[in-house]
């Protein structure tokens, strides 16, 4: 089976480096962008299997960019990786099937699984989000 092709969008260089190293243990990281407009172009050009994006990006935020890409069917699988644990934001991010929500603090434990789950069309949330807002996690 081919490795999952992942595009990473993260504006912090240090965090991007750590996430890229983690993702590369299982997946092909085909690109890294650091702001929302570049994210739109990279998804259209590189056609990743899964987009892993921070919500807070300069220019166009990661959530708005992903919503646009999902609406135009440029991408079907997105994992949002963020520090934000607001239930309303989680709900907005998971409105589409095949999306995941991972807190940066939980990335080591949850990110790889989240990518695998959303690639299969299932929603995923960090364990700490599930325990906080009481929404069932994908199994």
C-alpha atoms as a PDB file:
ATOM      1  CA  UNK A   1       0.000   0.000   0.000  1.00  0.00           C
ATOM      2  CA  UNK A   2       1.269   3.485  -0.844  1.00  0.00           C
ATOM      3  CA  UNK A   3       2.206   5.833   1.965  1.00  0.00           C
ATOM      4  CA  UNK A   4      -0.268   8.600   2.691  1.00  0.00           C
ATOM      5  CA  UNK A   5       0.804  11.924   1.145  1.00  0.00           C
ATOM      6  CA  UNK A   6       0.519  14.773   3.674  1.00  0.00           C
ATOM      7  CA  UNK A   7       0.736  18.532   3.236  1.00  0.00           C
ATOM      8  CA  UNK A   8       1.579  20.414   6.445  1.00  0.00           C
ATOM      9  CA  UNK A   9       0.533  24.021   7.124  1.00  0.00           C
ATOM     10  CA  UNK A  10       2.119  25.568  10.234  1.00  0.00           C
ATOM     11  CA  UNK A  11       3.451  29.088  10.752  1.00  0.00           C
ATOM     12  CA  UNK A  12       5.836  28.352  13.636  1.00  0.00           C
ATOM     13  CA  UNK A  13       9.152  27.100  12.263  1.00  0.00           C
ATOM     14  CA  UNK A  14       9.989  25.133  15.417  1.00  0.00           C
ATOM     15  CA  UNK A  15       6.562  23.475  15.609  1.00  0.00           C
ATOM     16  CA  UNK A  16       6.603  22.749  11.873  1.00  0.00           C
ATOM     17  CA  UNK A  17       9.965  21.004  12.226  1.00  0.00           C
ATOM     18  CA  UNK A  18       8.667  18.795  15.057  1.00  0.00           C
ATOM     19  CA  UNK A  19       5.413  17.954  13.294  1.00  0.00           C
ATOM     20  CA  UNK A  20       7.199  17.195  10.036  1.00  0.00           C
ATOM     21  CA  UNK A  21       9.568  14.780  11.798  1.00  0.00           C
ATOM     22  CA  UNK A  22       6.642  13.047  13.505  1.00  0.00           C
ATOM     23  CA  UNK A  23       4.579  12.781  10.319  1.00  0.00           C
ATOM     24  CA  UNK A  24       7.557  11.525   8.294  1.00  0.00           C
ATOM     25  CA  UNK A  25       7.808   8.418  10.491  1.00  0.00           C
ATOM     26  CA  UNK A  26       4.729   7.025   8.706  1.00  0.00           C
ATOM     27  CA  UNK A  27       3.768   9.319   5.852  1.00  0.00           C
ATOM     28  CA  UNK A  28       5.247  11.187   2.890  1.00  0.00           C
ATOM     29  CA  UNK A  29       5.301  14.873   3.812  1.00  0.00           C
ATOM     30  CA  UNK A  30       5.054  16.398   0.342  1.00  0.00           C
ATOM     31  CA  UNK A  31       5.099  20.047   1.342  1.00  0.00           C
ATOM     32  CA  UNK A  32       5.151  22.635   4.093  1.00  0.00           C
ATOM     33  CA  UNK A  33       3.489  26.048   3.959  1.00  0.00           C
ATOM     34  CA  UNK A  34       3.298  28.773   6.573  1.00  0.00           C
ATOM     35  CA  UNK A  35       0.263  30.867   5.608  1.00  0.00           C
ATOM     36  CA  UNK A  36      -3.270  30.432   4.293  1.00  0.00           C
ATOM     37  CA  UNK A  37      -3.002  31.653   0.706  1.00  0.00           C
ATOM     38  CA  UNK A  38       0.040  29.438   0.090  1.00  0.00           C
ATOM     39  CA  UNK A  39      -1.988  26.601   1.586  1.00  0.00           C
ATOM     40  CA  UNK A  40      -4.705  27.020  -1.049  1.00  0.00           C
ATOM     41  CA  UNK A  41      -2.175  26.954  -3.889  1.00  0.00           C
ATOM     42  CA  UNK A  42      -0.189  24.034  -2.459  1.00  0.00           C
ATOM     43  CA  UNK A  43      -3.265  21.813  -2.070  1.00  0.00           C
ATOM     44  CA  UNK A  44      -4.346  22.551  -5.637  1.00  0.00           C
ATOM     45  CA  UNK A  45      -0.837  21.919  -7.009  1.00  0.00           C
ATOM     46  CA  UNK A  46       0.338  18.976  -4.879  1.00  0.00           C
ATOM     47  CA  UNK A  47      -3.003  17.175  -4.345  1.00  0.00           C
ATOM     48  CA  UNK A  48      -2.199  15.635  -0.942  1.00  0.00           C
ATOM     49  CA  UNK A  49      -4.190  12.744   0.490  1.00  0.00           C
ATOM     50  CA  UNK A  50      -4.453  14.560   3.830  1.00  0.00           C
ATOM     51  CA  UNK A  51      -3.963  18.180   4.818  1.00  0.00           C
ATOM     52  CA  UNK A  52      -2.626  18.782   8.334  1.00  0.00           C
ATOM     53  CA  UNK A  53      -3.139  22.449   9.165  1.00  0.00           C
ATOM     54  CA  UNK A  54      -2.859  24.800  12.074  1.00  0.00           C
ATOM     55  CA  UNK A  55      -6.040  26.833  12.517  1.00  0.00           C
ATOM     56  CA  UNK A  56      -4.201  30.078  13.250  1.00  0.00           C
ATOM     57  CA  UNK A  57      -2.274  30.984  10.102  1.00  0.00           C
ATOM     58  CA  UNK A  58      -1.364  34.434   8.763  1.00  0.00           C
ATOM     59  CA  UNK A  59      -3.489  35.791   5.947  1.00  0.00           C
ATOM     60  CA  UNK A  60      -6.277  33.270   5.534  1.00  0.00           C
ATOM     61  CA  UNK A  61      -6.657  31.090   8.631  1.00  0.00           C
ATOM     62  CA  UNK A  62      -6.365  27.315   8.289  1.00  0.00           C
ATOM     63  CA  UNK A  63     -10.026  26.674   9.046  1.00  0.00           C
ATOM     64  CA  UNK A  64     -11.278  29.135   6.409  1.00  0.00           C
ATOM     65  CA  UNK A  65      -8.775  27.780   3.872  1.00  0.00           C
ATOM     66  CA  UNK A  66      -9.834  24.186   4.550  1.00  0.00           C
ATOM     67  CA  UNK A  67     -13.526  25.100   4.305  1.00  0.00           C
ATOM     68  CA  UNK A  68     -12.879  26.657   0.901  1.00  0.00           C
ATOM     69  CA  UNK A  69     -10.886  23.632  -0.298  1.00  0.00           C
ATOM     70  CA  UNK A  70     -13.502  21.179   0.984  1.00  0.00           C
ATOM     71  CA  UNK A  71     -16.288  23.152  -0.732  1.00  0.00           C
ATOM     72  CA  UNK A  72     -14.512  23.004  -4.077  1.00  0.00           C
ATOM     73  CA  UNK A  73     -13.582  19.328  -3.536  1.00  0.00           C
ATOM     74  CA  UNK A  74      -9.858  20.099  -3.797  1.00  0.00           C
ATOM     75  CA  UNK A  75      -9.307  18.081  -0.608  1.00  0.00           C
ATOM     76  CA  UNK A  76     -11.447  15.605   1.305  1.00  0.00           C
ATOM     77  CA  UNK A  77      -9.347  14.815   4.376  1.00  0.00           C
ATOM     78  CA  UNK A  78      -8.151  17.442   6.858  1.00  0.00           C
ATOM     79  CA  UNK A  79      -6.593  17.257  10.315  1.00  0.00           C
ATOM     80  CA  UNK A  80      -6.650  20.533  12.221  1.00  0.00           C
ATOM     81  CA  UNK A  81      -3.785  20.785  14.695  1.00  0.00           C
ATOM     82  CA  UNK A  82      -4.155  23.617  17.146  1.00  0.00           C
ATOM     83  CA  UNK A  83      -3.943  24.951  20.681  1.00  0.00           C
ATOM     84  CA  UNK A  84      -7.637  25.955  20.602  1.00  0.00           C
ATOM     85  CA  UNK A  85     -10.015  23.716  22.569  1.00  0.00           C
ATOM     86  CA  UNK A  86     -13.186  25.798  22.163  1.00  0.00           C
ATOM     87  CA  UNK A  87     -16.156  23.427  21.574  1.00  0.00           C
ATOM     88  CA  UNK A  88     -17.677  25.763  18.955  1.00  0.00           C
ATOM     89  CA  UNK A  89     -14.427  25.719  16.980  1.00  0.00           C
ATOM     90  CA  UNK A  90     -14.216  21.924  17.246  1.00  0.00           C
ATOM     91  CA  UNK A  91     -17.780  21.612  15.948  1.00  0.00           C
ATOM     92  CA  UNK A  92     -17.071  23.959  13.033  1.00  0.00           C
ATOM     93  CA  UNK A  93     -13.896  22.058  12.131  1.00  0.00           C
ATOM     94  CA  UNK A  94     -15.618  18.666  12.200  1.00  0.00           C
ATOM     95  CA  UNK A  95     -18.662  19.660  10.130  1.00  0.00           C
ATOM     96  CA  UNK A  96     -17.357  17.555   7.226  1.00  0.00           C
ATOM     97  CA  UNK A  97     -16.717  13.817   7.419  1.00  0.00           C
ATOM     98  CA  UNK A  98     -13.069  12.910   7.064  1.00  0.00           C
ATOM     99  CA  UNK A  99     -11.839  15.711   9.310  1.00  0.00           C
ATOM    100  CA  UNK A 100      -9.900  15.520  12.541  1.00  0.00           C
ATOM    101  CA  UNK A 101      -9.054  17.847  15.410  1.00  0.00           C
ATOM    102  CA  UNK A 102      -5.832  17.382  17.355  1.00  0.00           C
ATOM    103  CA  UNK A 103      -4.519  19.608  20.112  1.00  0.00           C
ATOM    104  CA  UNK A 104      -0.831  20.391  19.701  1.00  0.00           C
ATOM    105  CA  UNK A 105      -0.240  19.148  23.247  1.00  0.00           C
ATOM    106  CA  UNK A 106      -1.605  15.748  22.143  1.00  0.00           C
ATOM    107  CA  UNK A 107       0.213  15.550  18.793  1.00  0.00           C
ATOM    108  CA  UNK A 108       2.715  12.917  19.907  1.00  0.00           C
ATOM    109  CA  UNK A 109      -0.091  10.639  20.997  1.00  0.00           C
ATOM    110  CA  UNK A 110      -2.833  11.445  18.474  1.00  0.00           C
ATOM    111  CA  UNK A 111      -1.563  12.984  15.225  1.00  0.00           C
ATOM    112  CA  UNK A 112      -0.513   9.847  13.341  1.00  0.00           C
ATOM    113  CA  UNK A 113      -3.729   8.061  14.250  1.00  0.00           C
ATOM    114  CA  UNK A 114      -5.748  11.129  13.238  1.00  0.00           C
ATOM    115  CA  UNK A 115      -4.175  11.139   9.767  1.00  0.00           C
ATOM    116  CA  UNK A 116      -4.922   7.431   9.308  1.00  0.00           C
ATOM    117  CA  UNK A 117      -8.514   7.823  10.543  1.00  0.00           C
ATOM    118  CA  UNK A 118      -9.418  10.822   8.379  1.00  0.00           C
ATOM    119  CA  UNK A 119      -7.818   9.181   5.332  1.00  0.00           C
ATOM    120  CA  UNK A 120     -10.390   6.417   5.820  1.00  0.00           C
ATOM    121  CA  UNK A 121     -13.182   9.000   5.971  1.00  0.00           C
ATOM    122  CA  UNK A 122     -13.675   8.937   9.734  1.00  0.00           C
ATOM    123  CA  UNK A 123     -13.710  11.902  12.102  1.00  0.00           C
ATOM    124  CA  UNK A 124     -11.104  12.083  14.846  1.00  0.00           C
ATOM    125  CA  UNK A 125     -10.648  14.201  17.967  1.00  0.00           C
ATOM    126  CA  UNK A 126      -7.835  14.331  20.496  1.00  0.00           C
ATOM    127  CA  UNK A 127      -8.510  12.289  23.596  1.00  0.00           C
ATOM    128  CA  UNK A 128      -8.370  15.418  25.758  1.00  0.00           C
ATOM    129  CA  UNK A 129     -11.019  17.125  23.583  1.00  0.00           C
ATOM    130  CA  UNK A 130     -13.292  14.097  23.868  1.00  0.00           C
ATOM    131  CA  UNK A 131     -12.995  14.069  27.650  1.00  0.00           C
ATOM    132  CA  UNK A 132     -13.563  17.828  27.861  1.00  0.00           C
ATOM    133  CA  UNK A 133     -16.607  18.191  25.603  1.00  0.00           C
ATOM    134  CA  UNK A 134     -17.976  14.662  25.796  1.00  0.00           C
ATOM    135  CA  UNK A 135     -18.135  13.808  22.105  1.00  0.00           C
ATOM    136  CA  UNK A 136     -17.373  10.198  21.147  1.00  0.00           C
ATOM    137  CA  UNK A 137     -14.026   9.621  19.485  1.00  0.00           C
ATOM    138  CA  UNK A 138     -13.608   7.480  16.358  1.00  0.00           C
ATOM    139  CA  UNK A 139     -12.643   3.882  17.103  1.00  0.00           C
END
